[in-house]
Amino acid sequence: MSALALEELSALMAIYCQRDECAVLAVSETDGITLRIQTSVKGLLDSDILLKLSFHLPISYPSSLPNISINSEQLTRAQCKDVKERLLEQAKRHLSEPMVHELVLWIQQNIKHIIGQSETSVCNEKCTLSRCISTEDGIWTILLHLDHMRAKTKYVKTVEKWTSDLRLTGRLMFMGKIILILLQGDRISIKEYLILQKTSKVDVDSSGKKCKEKMISVLCETKVQSEHKRRQIMNLPYIKIWTKSSEMLEIVF
């Protein structure tokens, strides 16, 4: 392995010297160096994300790119993949020079942008949420349906925090087994809310483990006319919802 790689390893251990920040997993004359750096970054709405970045530096490093793997409980597999791909792209710019510290700094500064792009792409492809979000700017009203809410107290507090942080107005409605979320605000803020709703571990599953919201659907959306902006939520169409018992709930706004 190169002297540059060994010098970089020594420098990294000095920089990331707090407990669990830097771990040397393997050092080999034939396979190179494998290390893991653990760092906390700020995600959407400044939520804390703990990233575990593993770097395998081959014996030809830094003349060749490191192998990188990303792990985080706060990110989806798709997001981890996107982070890895962006880091590898960035690594190409530092070829032939020590780069691990530069890559860690870069991801700390750009993680929000990467996550935002990743979730925008997911929403556009799957359409389960984004089919109702127009590309037009302005004030929008959207009606969401939740299948269930096991950790009700925590869930409600989380929804209240998200809407407050994003400056959205609306209502969370419980009608028997029907759970509805009615929101109004800037289109971009509503889009960010949907991203948080789909990617955050906001509820618990049947075994009590934290889980992400997978059973949310958009019932309808509408752009608020200029004369109604920032007033009470209005102008939603007539909506019919069938419950599991085949009873029909009618809502008129």
C-alpha atoms as a PDB file:
ATOM      1  CA  MET A   1       0.000   0.000   0.000  1.00  0.00           C
ATOM      2  CA  SER A   2       1.129   3.545  -0.631  1.00  0.00           C
ATOM      3  CA  ALA A   3       2.752   5.796   1.920  1.00  0.00           C
ATOM      4  CA  LEU A   4       0.071   8.399   1.111  1.00  0.00           C
ATOM      5  CA  ALA A   5      -2.657   5.998   2.219  1.00  0.00           C
ATOM      6  CA  LEU A   6      -0.922   5.292   5.530  1.00  0.00           C
ATOM      7  CA  GLU A   7      -0.350   8.991   6.147  1.00  0.00           C
ATOM      8  CA  GLU A   8      -3.977   9.712   5.396  1.00  0.00           C
ATOM      9  CA  LEU A   9      -5.122   6.985   7.781  1.00  0.00           C
ATOM     10  CA  SER A  10      -3.028   8.530  10.554  1.00  0.00           C
ATOM     11  CA  ALA A  11      -4.482  11.961   9.830  1.00  0.00           C
ATOM     12  CA  LEU A  12      -8.063  10.641   9.780  1.00  0.00           C
ATOM     13  CA  MET A  13      -7.632   8.969  13.159  1.00  0.00           C
ATOM     14  CA  ALA A  14      -6.415  12.289  14.551  1.00  0.00           C
ATOM     15  CA  ILE A  15      -9.293  14.271  13.004  1.00  0.00           C
ATOM     16  CA  TYR A  16     -12.065  11.817  13.915  1.00  0.00           C
ATOM     17  CA  CYS A  17     -10.803  11.026  17.364  1.00  0.00           C
ATOM     18  CA  GLN A  18     -14.067  10.971  19.293  1.00  0.00           C
ATOM     19  CA  ARG A  19     -15.559   7.679  20.406  1.00  0.00           C
ATOM     20  CA  ASP A  20     -16.870   5.592  17.466  1.00  0.00           C
ATOM     21  CA  GLU A  21     -16.025   8.328  14.952  1.00  0.00           C
ATOM     22  CA  CYS A  22     -13.284   6.385  13.167  1.00  0.00           C
ATOM     23  CA  ALA A  23     -12.709   2.619  13.151  1.00  0.00           C
ATOM     24  CA  VAL A  24      -9.937   0.835  11.237  1.00  0.00           C
ATOM     25  CA  LEU A  25     -11.466  -2.450  10.093  1.00  0.00           C
ATOM     26  CA  ALA A  26      -8.529  -3.933   8.188  1.00  0.00           C
ATOM     27  CA  VAL A  27      -4.969  -3.136   7.084  1.00  0.00           C
ATOM     28  CA  SER A  28      -3.350  -5.466   4.560  1.00  0.00           C
ATOM     29  CA  GLU A  29      -0.319  -5.296   2.298  1.00  0.00           C
ATOM     30  CA  THR A  30      -2.308  -7.079  -0.419  1.00  0.00           C
ATOM     31  CA  ASP A  31      -5.857  -5.769   0.066  1.00  0.00           C
ATOM     32  CA  GLY A  32      -5.229  -2.244   1.339  1.00  0.00           C
ATOM     33  CA  ILE A  33      -7.058  -0.404   4.118  1.00  0.00           C
ATOM     34  CA  THR A  34     -10.681  -0.594   5.206  1.00  0.00           C
ATOM     35  CA  LEU A  35     -12.016   1.988   7.629  1.00  0.00           C
ATOM     36  CA  ARG A  36     -15.372   3.349   8.766  1.00  0.00           C
ATOM     37  CA  ILE A  37     -16.167   6.937   9.666  1.00  0.00           C
ATOM     38  CA  GLN A  38     -19.317   7.754  11.583  1.00  0.00           C
ATOM     39  CA  THR A  39     -20.652  11.292  11.372  1.00  0.00           C
ATOM     40  CA  SER A  40     -23.854  13.143  12.189  1.00  0.00           C
ATOM     41  CA  VAL A  41     -25.338  15.366   9.480  1.00  0.00           C
ATOM     42  CA  LYS A  42     -28.429  17.530   9.154  1.00  0.00           C
ATOM     43  CA  GLY A  43     -31.217  16.305   6.876  1.00  0.00           C
ATOM     44  CA  LEU A  44     -34.498  17.871   5.793  1.00  0.00           C
ATOM     45  CA  LEU A  45     -35.856  20.302   8.398  1.00  0.00           C
ATOM     46  CA  ASP A  46     -32.494  19.907  10.201  1.00  0.00           C
ATOM     47  CA  SER A  47     -33.317  16.389  11.399  1.00  0.00           C
ATOM     48  CA  ASP A  48     -30.284  14.461  12.665  1.00  0.00           C
ATOM     49  CA  ILE A  49     -28.971  11.719  10.395  1.00  0.00           C
ATOM     50  CA  LEU A  50     -26.253   9.352  11.568  1.00  0.00           C
ATOM     51  CA  LEU A  51     -24.133   8.262   8.602  1.00  0.00           C
ATOM     52  CA  LYS A  52     -21.714   5.342   8.620  1.00  0.00           C
ATOM     53  CA  LEU A  53     -19.291   5.716   5.723  1.00  0.00           C
ATOM     54  CA  SER A  54     -17.083   2.726   4.963  1.00  0.00           C
ATOM     55  CA  PHE A  55     -14.059   3.219   2.706  1.00  0.00           C
ATOM     56  CA  HIS A  56     -11.920   0.462   1.241  1.00  0.00           C
ATOM     57  CA  LEU A  57      -8.655   1.930  -0.010  1.00  0.00           C
ATOM     58  CA  PRO A  58      -7.031  -0.544  -2.425  1.00  0.00           C
ATOM     59  CA  ILE A  59      -3.258  -0.872  -2.617  1.00  0.00           C
ATOM     60  CA  SER A  60      -3.281   1.354  -5.716  1.00  0.00           C
ATOM     61  CA  TYR A  61      -5.098   4.155  -3.851  1.00  0.00           C
ATOM     62  CA  PRO A  62      -5.094   7.121  -4.360  1.00  0.00           C
ATOM     63  CA  SER A  63      -4.295   6.410  -8.007  1.00  0.00           C
ATOM     64  CA  SER A  64      -7.529   4.408  -8.064  1.00  0.00           C
ATOM     65  CA  LEU A  65     -10.880   5.213  -6.479  1.00  0.00           C
ATOM     66  CA  PRO A  66     -11.874   3.859  -3.065  1.00  0.00           C
ATOM     67  CA  ASN A  67     -14.810   1.489  -2.684  1.00  0.00           C
ATOM     68  CA  ILE A  68     -17.517   3.203  -0.634  1.00  0.00           C
ATOM     69  CA  SER A  69     -20.534   1.878   1.247  1.00  0.00           C
ATOM     70  CA  ILE A  70     -23.187   3.914   3.078  1.00  0.00           C
ATOM     71  CA  ASN A  71     -25.349   2.847   5.989  1.00  0.00           C
ATOM     72  CA  SER A  72     -27.903   4.864   7.965  1.00  0.00           C
ATOM     73  CA  GLU A  73     -31.047   3.966   9.878  1.00  0.00           C
ATOM     74  CA  GLN A  74     -32.535   7.344   8.988  1.00  0.00           C
ATOM     75  CA  LEU A  75     -32.178   6.873   5.216  1.00  0.00           C
ATOM     76  CA  THR A  76     -33.808   4.445   2.805  1.00  0.00           C
ATOM     77  CA  ARG A  77     -31.770   2.057   0.683  1.00  0.00           C
ATOM     78  CA  ALA A  78     -32.435   4.219  -2.343  1.00  0.00           C
ATOM     79  CA  GLN A  79     -31.143   7.293  -0.521  1.00  0.00           C
ATOM     80  CA  CYS A  80     -28.008   5.456   0.628  1.00  0.00           C
ATOM     81  CA  LYS A  81     -27.430   4.387  -2.965  1.00  0.00           C
ATOM     82  CA  ASP A  82     -27.806   7.961  -4.183  1.00  0.00           C
ATOM     83  CA  VAL A  83     -25.361   9.214  -1.540  1.00  0.00           C
ATOM     84  CA  LYS A  84     -22.844   6.548  -2.571  1.00  0.00           C
ATOM     85  CA  GLU A  85     -23.139   7.420  -6.259  1.00  0.00           C
ATOM     86  CA  ARG A  86     -22.683  11.124  -5.582  1.00  0.00           C
ATOM     87  CA  LEU A  87     -19.653  10.443  -3.388  1.00  0.00           C
ATOM     88  CA  LEU A  88     -18.056   8.328  -6.115  1.00  0.00           C
ATOM     89  CA  GLU A  89     -18.649  11.131  -8.606  1.00  0.00           C
ATOM     90  CA  GLN A  90     -16.983  13.545  -6.215  1.00  0.00           C
ATOM     91  CA  ALA A  91     -14.096  11.130  -5.635  1.00  0.00           C
ATOM     92  CA  LYS A  92     -13.191  11.247  -9.332  1.00  0.00           C
ATOM     93  CA  ARG A  93     -12.332  14.908  -8.880  1.00  0.00           C
ATOM     94  CA  HIS A  94      -9.704  14.018  -6.276  1.00  0.00           C
ATOM     95  CA  LEU A  95      -8.077  11.108  -8.075  1.00  0.00           C
ATOM     96  CA  SER A  96      -4.359  10.712  -7.249  1.00  0.00           C
ATOM     97  CA  GLU A  97      -4.667  12.621  -3.979  1.00  0.00           C
ATOM     98  CA  PRO A  98      -5.892  11.702  -0.481  1.00  0.00           C
ATOM     99  CA  MET A  99      -9.656  12.265  -0.509  1.00  0.00           C
ATOM    100  CA  VAL A 100     -11.484  10.588   2.380  1.00  0.00           C
ATOM    101  CA  HIS A 101     -11.655  13.679   4.594  1.00  0.00           C
ATOM    102  CA  GLU A 102     -12.710  15.826   1.624  1.00  0.00           C
ATOM    103  CA  LEU A 103     -15.505  13.362   0.808  1.00  0.00           C
ATOM    104  CA  VAL A 104     -16.787  13.380   4.393  1.00  0.00           C
ATOM    105  CA  LEU A 105     -16.834  17.182   4.448  1.00  0.00           C
ATOM    106  CA  TRP A 106     -18.593  17.251   1.081  1.00  0.00           C
ATOM    107  CA  ILE A 107     -21.377  14.925   2.152  1.00  0.00           C
ATOM    108  CA  GLN A 108     -21.908  16.917   5.359  1.00  0.00           C
ATOM    109  CA  GLN A 109     -22.491  20.018   3.261  1.00  0.00           C
ATOM    110  CA  ASN A 110     -24.587  18.438   0.497  1.00  0.00           C
ATOM    111  CA  ILE A 111     -26.704  15.738   2.150  1.00  0.00           C
ATOM    112  CA  LYS A 112     -29.886  17.853   2.172  1.00  0.00           C
ATOM    113  CA  HIS A 113     -29.650  18.499  -1.543  1.00  0.00           C
ATOM    114  CA  ILE A 114     -29.050  14.813  -2.321  1.00  0.00           C
ATOM    115  CA  ILE A 115     -31.967  13.622  -0.180  1.00  0.00           C
ATOM    116  CA  GLY A 116     -34.256  16.250  -1.681  1.00  0.00           C
ATOM    117  CA  GLN A 117     -33.377  15.204  -5.221  1.00  0.00           C
ATOM    118  CA  SER A 118     -33.756  11.528  -4.351  1.00  0.00           C
ATOM    119  CA  GLU A 119     -37.220  11.934  -2.851  1.00  0.00           C
ATOM    120  CA  THR A 120     -38.407  14.189  -5.665  1.00  0.00           C
ATOM    121  CA  SER A 121     -37.427  11.458  -8.106  1.00  0.00           C
ATOM    122  CA  VAL A 122     -39.173   8.760  -6.062  1.00  0.00           C
ATOM    123  CA  CYS A 123     -42.366  10.779  -5.830  1.00  0.00           C
ATOM    124  CA  ASN A 124     -42.382  11.454  -9.560  1.00  0.00           C
ATOM    125  CA  GLU A 125     -41.856   7.786 -10.423  1.00  0.00           C
ATOM    126  CA  LYS A 126     -44.300   6.149  -8.040  1.00  0.00           C
ATOM    127  CA  CYS A 127     -47.096   8.697  -8.476  1.00  0.00           C
ATOM    128  CA  THR A 128     -48.936   7.438  -5.392  1.00  0.00           C
ATOM    129  CA  LEU A 129     -48.399  10.799  -3.781  1.00  0.00           C
ATOM    130  CA  SER A 130     -47.084  13.106  -6.442  1.00  0.00           C
ATOM    131  CA  ARG A 131     -49.820  12.487  -9.025  1.00  0.00           C
ATOM    132  CA  CYS A 132     -51.847  15.130  -7.204  1.00  0.00           C
ATOM    133  CA  ILE A 133     -49.073  17.711  -6.869  1.00  0.00           C
ATOM    134  CA  SER A 134     -49.031  20.138  -9.745  1.00  0.00           C
ATOM    135  CA  THR A 135     -45.855  21.801 -10.965  1.00  0.00           C
ATOM    136  CA  GLU A 136     -47.531  25.177 -10.582  1.00  0.00           C
ATOM    137  CA  ASP A 137     -46.517  27.483  -7.755  1.00  0.00           C
ATOM    138  CA  GLY A 138     -48.927  29.078  -5.319  1.00  0.00           C
ATOM    139  CA  ILE A 139     -51.100  28.013  -2.395  1.00  0.00           C
ATOM    140  CA  TRP A 140     -52.496  24.476  -2.532  1.00  0.00           C
ATOM    141  CA  THR A 141     -54.887  22.383  -0.492  1.00  0.00           C
ATOM    142  CA  ILE A 142     -54.414  18.616  -0.261  1.00  0.00           C
ATOM    143  CA  LEU A 143     -56.379  15.848   1.449  1.00  0.00           C
ATOM    144  CA  LEU A 144     -54.509  12.734   2.646  1.00  0.00           C
ATOM    145  CA  HIS A 145     -55.873   9.423   3.901  1.00  0.00           C
ATOM    146  CA  LEU A 146     -54.034   7.288   6.501  1.00  0.00           C
ATOM    147  CA  ASP A 147     -54.848   3.588   6.829  1.00  0.00           C
ATOM    148  CA  HIS A 148     -54.031   3.419  10.535  1.00  0.00           C
ATOM    149  CA  MET A 149     -52.162   5.145  13.347  1.00  0.00           C
ATOM    150  CA  ARG A 150     -50.827   2.814  16.042  1.00  0.00           C
ATOM    151  CA  ALA A 151     -48.597   5.245  17.976  1.00  0.00           C
ATOM    152  CA  LYS A 152     -51.276   7.943  17.961  1.00  0.00           C
ATOM    153  CA  THR A 153     -49.785  10.379  20.506  1.00  0.00           C
ATOM    154  CA  LYS A 154     -46.338  10.415  18.928  1.00  0.00           C
ATOM    155  CA  TYR A 155     -47.779  10.476  15.421  1.00  0.00           C
ATOM    156  CA  VAL A 156     -49.986  13.498  16.136  1.00  0.00           C
ATOM    157  CA  LYS A 157     -47.112  15.436  17.746  1.00  0.00           C
ATOM    158  CA  THR A 158     -44.910  14.678  14.743  1.00  0.00           C
ATOM    159  CA  VAL A 159     -47.559  15.905  12.285  1.00  0.00           C
ATOM    160  CA  GLU A 160     -48.001  19.070  14.360  1.00  0.00           C
ATOM    161  CA  LYS A 161     -44.260  19.722  14.340  1.00  0.00           C
ATOM    162  CA  TRP A 162     -43.909  19.150  10.595  1.00  0.00           C
ATOM    163  CA  THR A 163     -46.821  21.438   9.735  1.00  0.00           C
ATOM    164  CA  SER A 164     -45.523  24.108  12.098  1.00  0.00           C
ATOM    165  CA  ASP A 165     -41.971  23.934  10.718  1.00  0.00           C
ATOM    166  CA  LEU A 166     -43.259  24.065   7.130  1.00  0.00           C
ATOM    167  CA  ARG A 167     -45.778  26.817   7.930  1.00  0.00           C
ATOM    168  CA  LEU A 168     -48.728  24.746   6.763  1.00  0.00           C
ATOM    169  CA  THR A 169     -52.286  25.035   8.055  1.00  0.00           C
ATOM    170  CA  GLY A 170     -54.812  22.233   8.182  1.00  0.00           C
ATOM    171  CA  ARG A 171     -56.632  19.631  10.220  1.00  0.00           C
ATOM    172  CA  LEU A 172     -56.060  16.065  11.381  1.00  0.00           C
ATOM    173  CA  MET A 173     -59.459  14.355  11.442  1.00  0.00           C
ATOM    174  CA  PHE A 174     -60.535  11.083  13.072  1.00  0.00           C
ATOM    175  CA  MET A 175     -63.898   9.816  11.834  1.00  0.00           C
ATOM    176  CA  GLY A 176     -64.330   6.334  13.207  1.00  0.00           C
ATOM    177  CA  LYS A 177     -61.689   4.283  11.428  1.00  0.00           C
ATOM    178  CA  ILE A 178     -61.147   7.005   8.851  1.00  0.00           C
ATOM    179  CA  ILE A 179     -58.049   9.172   9.413  1.00  0.00           C
ATOM    180  CA  LEU A 180     -57.648  12.256   7.226  1.00  0.00           C
ATOM    181  CA  ILE A 181     -55.036  15.001   7.047  1.00  0.00           C
ATOM    182  CA  LEU A 182     -56.100  18.235   5.385  1.00  0.00           C
ATOM    183  CA  LEU A 183     -53.268  20.660   4.562  1.00  0.00           C
ATOM    184  CA  GLN A 184     -52.966  24.047   2.951  1.00  0.00           C
ATOM    185  CA  GLY A 185     -49.852  26.046   2.089  1.00  0.00           C
ATOM    186  CA  ASP A 186     -47.109  26.592  -0.445  1.00  0.00           C
ATOM    187  CA  ARG A 187     -46.786  23.814  -3.010  1.00  0.00           C
ATOM    188  CA  ILE A 188     -43.119  23.297  -2.127  1.00  0.00           C
ATOM    189  CA  SER A 189     -43.927  23.005   1.595  1.00  0.00           C
ATOM    190  CA  ILE A 190     -46.658  20.448   0.903  1.00  0.00           C
ATOM    191  CA  LYS A 191     -44.210  18.476  -1.224  1.00  0.00           C
ATOM    192  CA  GLU A 192     -41.641  18.530   1.600  1.00  0.00           C
ATOM    193  CA  TYR A 193     -44.338  17.342   4.008  1.00  0.00           C
ATOM    194  CA  LEU A 194     -45.113  14.355   1.774  1.00  0.00           C
ATOM    195  CA  ILE A 195     -41.409  13.488   1.619  1.00  0.00           C
ATOM    196  CA  LEU A 196     -41.171  13.544   5.422  1.00  0.00           C
ATOM    197  CA  GLN A 197     -44.386  11.522   5.737  1.00  0.00           C
ATOM    198  CA  LYS A 198     -43.027   8.760   3.472  1.00  0.00           C
ATOM    199  CA  THR A 199     -39.405   8.643   4.658  1.00  0.00           C
ATOM    200  CA  SER A 200     -39.604   9.151   8.436  1.00  0.00           C
ATOM    201  CA  LYS A 201     -40.246   6.439  11.004  1.00  0.00           C
ATOM    202  CA  VAL A 202     -43.370   8.107  12.322  1.00  0.00           C
ATOM    203  CA  ASP A 203     -45.393   5.061  13.440  1.00  0.00           C
ATOM    204  CA  VAL A 204     -44.833   1.539  14.816  1.00  0.00           C
ATOM    205  CA  ASP A 205     -45.641  -1.804  13.214  1.00  0.00           C
ATOM    206  CA  SER A 206     -47.628  -4.659  14.753  1.00  0.00           C
ATOM    207  CA  SER A 207     -44.569  -5.772  16.734  1.00  0.00           C
ATOM    208  CA  GLY A 208     -43.969  -2.301  18.176  1.00  0.00           C
ATOM    209  CA  LYS A 209     -40.922  -1.465  16.046  1.00  0.00           C
ATOM    210  CA  LYS A 210     -40.588   1.991  14.493  1.00  0.00           C
ATOM    211  CA  CYS A 211     -41.700   2.017  10.878  1.00  0.00           C
ATOM    212  CA  LYS A 212     -42.302   4.359   7.972  1.00  0.00           C
ATOM    213  CA  GLU A 213     -45.715   5.338   6.656  1.00  0.00           C
ATOM    214  CA  LYS A 214     -46.542   3.037   3.735  1.00  0.00           C
ATOM    215  CA  MET A 215     -50.330   3.276   3.652  1.00  0.00           C
ATOM    216  CA  ILE A 216     -50.889   6.942   2.882  1.00  0.00           C
ATOM    217  CA  SER A 217     -52.768   8.092  -0.203  1.00  0.00           C
ATOM    218  CA  VAL A 218     -53.743  11.421  -1.724  1.00  0.00           C
ATOM    219  CA  LEU A 219     -57.516  11.713  -2.118  1.00  0.00           C
ATOM    220  CA  CYS A 220     -57.491  15.044  -3.905  1.00  0.00           C
ATOM    221  CA  GLU A 221     -55.768  18.389  -4.231  1.00  0.00           C
ATOM    222  CA  THR A 222     -56.608  21.807  -5.582  1.00  0.00           C
ATOM    223  CA  LYS A 223     -54.912  25.107  -6.118  1.00  0.00           C
ATOM    224  CA  VAL A 224     -56.398  27.877  -3.992  1.00  0.00           C
ATOM    225  CA  GLN A 225     -57.540  30.857  -6.019  1.00  0.00           C
ATOM    226  CA  SER A 226     -55.732  34.108  -5.298  1.00  0.00           C
ATOM    227  CA  GLU A 227     -58.734  35.688  -3.581  1.00  0.00           C
ATOM    228  CA  HIS A 228     -58.838  32.822  -1.069  1.00  0.00           C
ATOM    229  CA  LYS A 229     -55.134  32.595  -0.200  1.00  0.00           C
ATOM    230  CA  ARG A 230     -54.320  32.242   3.486  1.00  0.00           C
ATOM    231  CA  ARG A 231     -57.979  32.180   4.413  1.00  0.00           C
ATOM    232  CA  GLN A 232     -59.871  29.158   5.722  1.00  0.00           C
ATOM    233  CA  ILE A 233     -59.466  25.862   3.868  1.00  0.00           C
ATOM    234  CA  MET A 234     -62.162  25.727   1.209  1.00  0.00           C
ATOM    235  CA  ASN A 235     -63.104  24.802  -2.338  1.00  0.00           C
ATOM    236  CA  LEU A 236     -62.344  21.095  -2.044  1.00  0.00           C
ATOM    237  CA  PRO A 237     -64.659  18.940  -4.167  1.00  0.00           C
ATOM    238  CA  TYR A 238     -67.265  16.555  -2.849  1.00  0.00           C
ATOM    239  CA  ILE A 239     -65.555  13.386  -1.584  1.00  0.00           C
ATOM    240  CA  LYS A 240     -66.865   9.889  -0.909  1.00  0.00           C
ATOM    241  CA  ILE A 241     -64.875   7.360   1.141  1.00  0.00           C
ATOM    242  CA  TRP A 242     -65.853   3.752   1.658  1.00  0.00           C
ATOM    243  CA  THR A 243     -64.931   2.191   4.995  1.00  0.00           C
ATOM    244  CA  LYS A 244     -63.880  -1.438   5.429  1.00  0.00           C
ATOM    245  CA  SER A 245     -67.427  -2.226   6.507  1.00  0.00           C
ATOM    246  CA  SER A 246     -68.657  -0.822   3.167  1.00  0.00           C
ATOM    247  CA  GLU A 247     -70.260   2.139   4.895  1.00  0.00           C
ATOM    248  CA  MET A 248     -69.851   5.389   3.022  1.00  0.00           C
ATOM    249  CA  LEU A 249     -68.564   8.571   4.611  1.00  0.00           C
ATOM    250  CA  GLU A 250     -69.467  11.739   2.727  1.00  0.00           C
ATOM    251  CA  ILE A 251     -67.419  14.891   3.124  1.00  0.00           C
ATOM    252  CA  VAL A 252     -68.334  18.265   1.671  1.00  0.00           C
ATOM    253  CA  PHE A 253     -66.024  21.262   2.121  1.00  0.00           C
END
